[in-house]
Protein backbone atom coordinates (compact mmCIF):
# COMPACT_ATOMS: atom_id res chain seq x y z
CA MET A 1 6.73 5.24 -11.17
CA ILE A 2 7.84 7.95 -14.03
CA GLU A 3 9.53 9.91 -12.51
CA ASN A 4 9.37 12.34 -15.58
CA ASN A 5 5.58 12.54 -15.77
CA LEU A 6 6.58 13.55 -11.48
CA LYS A 7 9.00 15.99 -12.81
CA ARG A 8 6.47 17.65 -15.60
CA LEU A 9 3.68 18.28 -12.32
CA ASN A 10 6.43 19.66 -10.27
CA LEU A 11 5.65 16.73 -7.35
CA GLN A 12 8.26 15.06 -6.29
CA GLU A 13 8.36 10.95 -5.26
CA GLU A 14 8.51 11.74 -1.76
CA TRP A 15 5.04 13.40 -1.97
CA LEU A 16 4.10 10.15 -4.19
CA ILE A 17 4.96 7.90 -0.92
CA SER A 18 3.05 10.10 1.66
CA GLN A 19 0.29 10.33 -0.76
CA LEU A 20 0.32 6.72 -1.05
CA GLN A 21 0.58 6.44 2.78
CA GLN A 22 -1.88 7.92 3.42
CA LYS A 23 -4.02 5.81 1.97
CA GLY A 24 -2.77 2.58 3.55
CA ILE A 25 -1.00 1.43 1.08
CA GLN A 26 2.65 0.93 2.38
CA SER A 27 4.89 -0.48 -1.17
CA ILE A 28 4.21 1.24 -4.45
CA SER A 29 4.24 -2.69 -5.38
CA GLU A 30 0.62 -3.15 -4.30
CA VAL A 31 -0.59 -0.12 -6.97
CA PHE A 32 -1.33 -1.52 -10.49
CA TYR A 33 -2.14 2.27 -11.24
CA ALA A 34 -1.91 5.23 -10.04
CA GLU A 35 -2.89 9.21 -11.97
CA VAL A 36 -3.49 12.66 -11.00
CA GLN A 37 -5.94 13.87 -11.64
CA LYS A 38 -6.60 17.66 -12.65
CA ASP A 39 -7.99 18.86 -9.80
CA GLY A 40 -4.37 17.53 -8.05
CA SER A 41 -6.05 14.53 -6.74
CA LEU A 42 -4.18 11.61 -6.27
CA TYR A 43 -6.18 7.78 -7.84
CA ILE A 44 -4.94 4.86 -7.15
CA ASP A 45 -6.30 1.70 -8.35
CA LYS A 46 -4.51 -1.43 -5.78
CA LYS A 47 -3.18 -4.78 -7.10
CA LYS A 48 -5.90 -7.46 -6.52
CA ASP A 49 -3.37 -10.79 -5.73
CA ASN A 50 -7.06 -12.05 -5.11
CA MET A 51 -8.64 -12.13 -8.58
CA THR A 52 -10.85 -14.75 -9.33
CA HIS A 53 -12.79 -16.10 -12.97
């Protein structure tokens, strides 16, 4: 989590955690990448621990 980016967007860590929980994500460690989109929505790419090649 990049706290400076949250501050720049005037968002709190609690907001991020709440958004993740609404998507069924219980821990930030489950997230590979997350980004606030221009429309204010949150894009989330979860880690895929069971990757096969």
